[in-house]
C-alpha atoms as a PDB file:
ATOM      1  CA  MET A   1      31.304 118.510 247.601  1.00  0.00           C
ATOM      2  CA  THR A   2      27.519 118.580 247.871  1.00  0.00           C
ATOM      3  CA  LEU A   3      27.164 118.315 244.104  1.00  0.00           C
ATOM      4  CA  PHE A   4      29.500 115.314 244.047  1.00  0.00           C
ATOM      5  CA  LEU A   5      27.512 113.512 246.758  1.00  0.00           C
ATOM      6  CA  THR A   6      24.208 114.271 244.998  1.00  0.00           C
ATOM      7  CA  VAL A   7      25.451 112.937 241.640  1.00  0.00           C
ATOM      8  CA  PHE A   8      26.996 109.919 243.360  1.00  0.00           C
ATOM      9  CA  ALA A   9      23.742 109.158 245.228  1.00  0.00           C
ATOM     10  CA  VAL A  10      21.647 109.459 242.060  1.00  0.00           C
ATOM     11  CA  CYS A  11      24.038 107.199 240.121  1.00  0.00           C
ATOM     12  CA  MET A  12      24.002 104.612 242.918  1.00  0.00           C
ATOM     13  CA  LEU A  13      20.216 104.759 243.051  1.00  0.00           C
ATOM     14  CA  ILE A  14      19.961 104.171 239.308  1.00  0.00           C
ATOM     15  CA  PHE A  15      22.592 101.435 239.367  1.00  0.00           C
ATOM     16  CA  GLY A  16      20.995  99.722 242.392  1.00  0.00           C
ATOM     17  CA  GLY A  17      17.547  99.931 240.801  1.00  0.00           C
ATOM     18  CA  MET A  18      18.814  98.312 237.614  1.00  0.00           C
ATOM     19  CA  VAL A  19      20.485  95.499 239.563  1.00  0.00           C
ATOM     20  CA  ILE A  20      17.282  94.838 241.507  1.00  0.00           C
ATOM     21  CA  ILE A  21      15.198  94.829 238.309  1.00  0.00           C
ATOM     22  CA  LEU A  22      17.594  92.368 236.639  1.00  0.00           C
ATOM     23  CA  LEU A  23      17.605  90.082 239.672  1.00  0.00           C
ATOM     24  CA  LEU A  24      13.828  90.009 239.926  1.00  0.00           C
ATOM     25  CA  SER A  25      13.088  89.528 236.232  1.00  0.00           C
ATOM     26  CA  HIS A  26      13.251  86.030 234.804  1.00  0.00           C
ATOM     27  CA  THR A  27      13.942  84.784 231.328  1.00  0.00           C
ATOM     28  CA  PRO A  28      10.665  83.984 229.598  1.00  0.00           C
ATOM     29  CA  ARG A  29      10.213  80.296 228.877  1.00  0.00           C
ATOM     30  CA  TYR A  30       8.068  78.796 226.164  1.00  0.00           C
ATOM     31  CA  ARG A  31       6.501  75.497 227.142  1.00  0.00           C
ATOM     32  CA  THR A  32       5.109  73.422 224.280  1.00  0.00           C
ATOM     33  CA  GLU A  33       1.887  71.661 225.218  1.00  0.00           C
ATOM     34  CA  PRO A  34       0.021  68.934 223.295  1.00  0.00           C
ATOM     35  CA  GLU A  35      -2.568  71.487 222.178  1.00  0.00           C
ATOM     36  CA  HIS A  36       0.146  73.507 220.438  1.00  0.00           C
ATOM     37  CA  LEU A  37       1.265  70.471 218.447  1.00  0.00           C
ATOM     38  CA  LEU A  38      -2.311  69.427 217.654  1.00  0.00           C
ATOM     39  CA  THR A  39      -3.120  72.913 216.364  1.00  0.00           C
ATOM     40  CA  LEU A  40       0.039  72.949 214.267  1.00  0.00           C
ATOM     41  CA  PHE A  41      -0.712  69.506 212.827  1.00  0.00           C
ATOM     42  CA  ASP A  42      -4.292  70.552 212.017  1.00  0.00           C
ATOM     43  CA  LYS A  43      -3.016  73.636 210.212  1.00  0.00           C
ATOM     44  CA  ALA A  44      -0.477  71.558 208.292  1.00  0.00           C
ATOM     45  CA  LEU A  45      -3.139  69.053 207.248  1.00  0.00           C
ATOM     46  CA  GLU A  46      -5.394  71.906 206.081  1.00  0.00           C
ATOM     47  CA  ASN A  47      -2.479  73.603 204.248  1.00  0.00           C
ATOM     48  CA  ARG A  48      -2.719  76.716 206.433  1.00  0.00           C
ATOM     49  CA  VAL A  49       0.721  76.600 208.028  1.00  0.00           C
ATOM     50  CA  GLY A  50       3.878  78.317 206.840  1.00  0.00           C
ATOM     51  CA  GLU A  51       7.360  76.909 207.012  1.00  0.00           C
ATOM     52  CA  THR A  52       8.390  79.532 209.554  1.00  0.00           C
ATOM     53  CA  GLU A  53       5.625  78.587 211.996  1.00  0.00           C
ATOM     54  CA  TRP A  54       6.330  74.875 211.487  1.00  0.00           C
ATOM     55  CA  ASN A  55      10.076  75.268 212.017  1.00  0.00           C
ATOM     56  CA  ALA A  56       9.613  77.529 215.056  1.00  0.00           C
ATOM     57  CA  LEU A  57       7.510  74.963 216.903  1.00  0.00           C
ATOM     58  CA  ILE A  58       9.055  71.735 215.639  1.00  0.00           C
ATOM     59  CA  GLY A  59      12.600  73.061 215.965  1.00  0.00           C
ATOM     60  CA  TYR A  60      12.227  73.929 219.671  1.00  0.00           C
ATOM     61  CA  PRO A  61      13.174  71.024 221.986  1.00  0.00           C
ATOM     62  CA  ILE A  62      10.619  69.846 224.540  1.00  0.00           C
ATOM     63  CA  ARG A  63      12.370  69.035 227.809  1.00  0.00           C
ATOM     64  CA  HIS A  64       9.434  68.625 230.185  1.00  0.00           C
ATOM     65  CA  ASP A  65       7.706  65.681 228.465  1.00  0.00           C
ATOM     66  CA  GLU A  66       9.570  62.822 226.788  1.00  0.00           C
ATOM     67  CA  TYR A  67       6.482  61.668 224.874  1.00  0.00           C
ATOM     68  CA  LEU A  68       5.928  65.120 223.356  1.00  0.00           C
ATOM     69  CA  GLU A  69       9.607  65.277 222.492  1.00  0.00           C
ATOM     70  CA  SER A  70       9.315  61.995 220.599  1.00  0.00           C
ATOM     71  CA  VAL A  71       6.261  63.329 218.720  1.00  0.00           C
ATOM     72  CA  ARG A  72       8.186  66.498 217.879  1.00  0.00           C
ATOM     73  CA  ARG A  73      11.162  64.468 216.628  1.00  0.00           C
ATOM     74  CA  ARG A  74       8.847  62.302 214.523  1.00  0.00           C
ATOM     75  CA  ALA A  75       7.247  65.412 212.999  1.00  0.00           C
ATOM     76  CA  ARG A  76      10.693  66.829 212.225  1.00  0.00           C
ATOM     77  CA  HIS A  77      11.610  63.514 210.608  1.00  0.00           C
ATOM     78  CA  LEU A  78       8.422  63.674 208.509  1.00  0.00           C
ATOM     79  CA  MET A  79       9.447  67.104 207.248  1.00  0.00           C
ATOM     80  CA  ASP A  80      12.915  65.820 206.413  1.00  0.00           C
ATOM     81  CA  GLU A  81      11.499  62.821 204.551  1.00  0.00           C
ATOM     82  CA  HIS A  82       8.396  64.249 202.873  1.00  0.00           C
ATOM     83  CA  GLY A  83       8.758  68.028 202.834  1.00  0.00           C
ATOM     84  CA  ARG A  84      10.761  70.294 200.613  1.00  0.00           C
ATOM     85  CA  HIS A  85      12.004  73.799 201.281  1.00  0.00           C
ATOM     86  CA  GLY A  86       9.812  76.378 199.583  1.00  0.00           C
ATOM     87  CA  ARG A  87       6.799  74.139 198.888  1.00  0.00           C
ATOM     88  CA  VAL A  88       4.403  76.447 200.726  1.00  0.00           C
ATOM     89  CA  ALA A  89       5.736  79.508 198.883  1.00  0.00           C
ATOM     90  CA  ARG A  90       4.922  77.762 195.605  1.00  0.00           C
ATOM     91  CA  GLY A  91       1.347  77.108 196.766  1.00  0.00           C
ATOM     92  CA  LYS A  92       1.870  73.426 197.557  1.00  0.00           C
ATOM     93  CA  PRO A  93       1.195  71.661 200.885  1.00  0.00           C
ATOM     94  CA  LEU A  94       3.978  71.511 203.451  1.00  0.00           C
ATOM     95  CA  LEU A  95       4.257  67.720 203.057  1.00  0.00           C
ATOM     96  CA  ASP A  96       3.648  65.400 200.121  1.00  0.00           C
ATOM     97  CA  THR A  97       0.703  62.954 200.109  1.00  0.00           C
ATOM     98  CA  GLU A  98       2.480  60.203 202.031  1.00  0.00           C
ATOM     99  CA  GLY A  99       3.757  62.723 204.567  1.00  0.00           C
ATOM    100  CA  GLN A 100       0.235  64.115 205.030  1.00  0.00           C
ATOM    101  CA  GLU A 101      -1.056  60.600 205.757  1.00  0.00           C
ATOM    102  CA  GLU A 102       1.695  59.938 208.297  1.00  0.00           C
ATOM    103  CA  LEU A 103       1.130  63.329 209.913  1.00  0.00           C
ATOM    104  CA  ALA A 104      -2.611  62.597 210.196  1.00  0.00           C
ATOM    105  CA  ALA A 105      -1.784  59.291 211.928  1.00  0.00           C
ATOM    106  CA  LEU A 106       0.682  61.039 214.248  1.00  0.00           C
ATOM    107  CA  ARG A 107      -1.927  63.710 215.031  1.00  0.00           C
ATOM    108  CA  ASP A 108      -4.580  61.090 215.827  1.00  0.00           C
ATOM    109  CA  HIS A 109      -2.140  59.212 218.052  1.00  0.00           C
ATOM    110  CA  LEU A 110      -1.218  62.383 219.949  1.00  0.00           C
ATOM    111  CA  ALA A 111      -4.884  63.324 220.376  1.00  0.00           C
ATOM    112  CA  ALA A 112      -5.740  59.852 221.730  1.00  0.00           C
ATOM    113  CA  HIS A 113      -2.744  59.889 224.084  1.00  0.00           C
ATOM    114  CA  THR A 114      -3.657  63.351 225.374  1.00  0.00           C
ATOM    115  CA  ARG A 115      -7.290  62.345 225.895  1.00  0.00           C
ATOM    116  CA  LEU A 116      -6.289  59.209 227.847  1.00  0.00           C
ATOM    117  CA  LYS A 117      -3.830  61.174 229.962  1.00  0.00           C
ATOM    118  CA  ARG A 118      -6.507  63.741 230.883  1.00  0.00           C
ATOM    119  CA  GLU A 119      -9.024  60.997 231.725  1.00  0.00           C
ATOM    120  CA  ARG A 120      -6.494  59.365 234.062  1.00  0.00           C
ATOM    121  CA  GLU A 121      -5.782  62.699 235.742  1.00  0.00           C
ATOM    122  CA  GLN A 122      -9.494  63.279 236.372  1.00  0.00           C
ATOM    123  CA  GLU A 123      -9.961  59.944 238.121  1.00  0.00           C
END
């Protein structure tokens, strides 16, 4: 009987510990900030970004900021319009010339918007 109670107590301790750990741990969340998009756009304009990195960031919805979500959707649309699967693997830029120009304009717009937003927050 003592052995049974010892095994039962150890099992309950392990089970209880696991339940507590699961209750206290939270799912990690990735929050896309303007700096992440600006860095990605810079890399794309300099032909230093891979399709995997582009798709990982542009494919992840942004729920905390509607403006950033619209920029993300516009960037995804640029890839649909001006990018082709496998271009980077063949040594070509992610986007064609027109897409690069539109991405540069989108990047400049995002940078200006972010700068204005920070200036307003500092006032």
